[in-house]
Protein backbone atom coordinates (compact mmCIF):
# COMPACT_ATOMS: atom_id res chain seq x y z
CA MET A 1 87.47 100.84 99.26
CA SER A 2 87.61 100.85 103.00
CA LYS A 3 86.30 97.88 105.33
CA MET A 4 83.35 98.13 107.56
CA ASN A 5 83.38 96.42 111.01
CA ALA A 6 80.62 96.02 113.61
CA PHE A 7 81.25 99.35 115.00
CA ASP A 8 80.83 101.36 111.88
CA SER A 9 77.29 101.30 112.28
CA ALA A 10 76.71 100.74 116.05
CA SER A 11 74.81 103.67 117.78
CA LEU A 12 76.37 105.78 120.18
CA LYS A 13 74.14 104.28 122.80
CA LEU A 14 75.58 100.70 122.22
CA ARG A 15 79.26 101.97 121.81
CA ASP A 16 78.63 103.89 125.25
CA TRP A 17 77.27 100.45 126.81
CA LEU A 18 79.94 98.39 125.56
CA GLU A 19 82.43 100.67 127.17
CA GLU A 20 80.65 100.79 130.20
CA ASN A 21 79.98 96.95 130.57
CA GLY A 22 82.65 95.42 128.77
CA SER A 23 86.71 95.16 129.36
CA ALA A 24 89.39 95.45 126.74
CA ARG A 25 92.35 92.87 126.93
CA LYS A 26 95.19 92.56 124.94
CA HIS A 27 96.54 88.93 123.99
CA GLU A 28 99.62 87.67 122.46
CA ALA A 29 99.46 85.78 119.15
CA GLU A 30 99.33 81.99 120.83
CA ASP A 31 96.65 82.68 123.59
CA ILE A 32 93.58 80.62 123.06
CA LEU A 33 90.53 82.90 123.57
CA ILE A 34 87.89 80.00 123.16
CA ARG A 35 87.80 76.41 123.62
CA GLU A 36 86.01 74.31 121.20
CA GLY A 37 83.09 72.24 123.16
CA ILE A 38 83.51 74.83 126.27
CA VAL A 39 80.60 77.12 127.19
CA SER A 40 81.54 80.85 127.67
CA LYS A 41 79.76 83.62 129.50
CA ASN A 42 81.60 86.16 127.28
CA VAL A 43 81.31 87.57 123.59
CA ILE A 44 84.62 88.74 122.05
CA ILE A 45 84.66 91.72 119.99
CA LEU A 46 87.79 92.22 118.18
CA LEU A 47 88.82 95.80 118.21
CA SER A 48 92.12 95.44 116.33
CA GLY A 49 94.45 93.01 114.77
CA LYS A 50 93.01 89.51 113.66
CA PHE A 51 92.72 85.98 114.95
CA ALA A 52 92.32 82.36 113.77
CA VAL A 53 89.33 79.95 114.49
CA ASN A 54 91.12 76.77 114.56
CA THR A 55 89.85 72.86 115.09
CA THR A 56 91.67 69.86 116.07
CA ASP A 57 90.82 66.85 113.43
CA HIS A 58 90.36 63.22 114.66
CA ASP A 59 94.23 62.62 113.83
CA GLY A 60 95.24 65.49 116.13
CA LYS A 61 96.14 67.95 113.43
CA GLN A 62 94.96 71.54 113.75
CA GLN A 63 92.79 73.38 110.71
CA CYS A 64 92.38 76.82 110.50
CA LEU A 65 88.49 77.32 109.73
CA ALA A 66 88.66 81.34 109.54
CA VAL A 67 90.39 84.09 110.24
CA LEU A 68 88.74 86.85 111.47
CA ASN A 69 89.56 90.89 111.38
CA ASN A 70 88.62 94.02 113.20
CA GLY A 71 84.97 94.27 114.21
CA ALA A 72 84.28 90.52 114.31
CA ILE A 73 82.09 89.26 117.04
CA VAL A 74 82.61 85.82 118.49
CA GLY A 75 80.58 84.00 120.69
CA CYS A 76 76.81 83.17 121.89
CA ILE A 77 74.71 85.74 123.03
CA LYS A 78 71.32 84.97 124.69
CA VAL A 79 68.50 87.15 124.14
CA ASN A 80 65.43 87.32 126.38
CA THR A 81 62.24 88.48 124.58
CA LEU A 82 59.11 89.76 126.35
């Protein structure tokens, strides 16, 4: 059984828009993509690989909250309605 990701069901129009308006970047394993408590203007769509969502507890110890795979979408999207 194969895994589906966010792009498996995305329309061609959405894929074209993402390709035209987004940017692809490669990151190293230790790169921090989003910092807890910092507002970002970006949404991350994981095209390949995986990354961990970590937090630091009150004792300063890092804890893994989740591991995300291909197709994961991370960040906030503000949607304006009419």
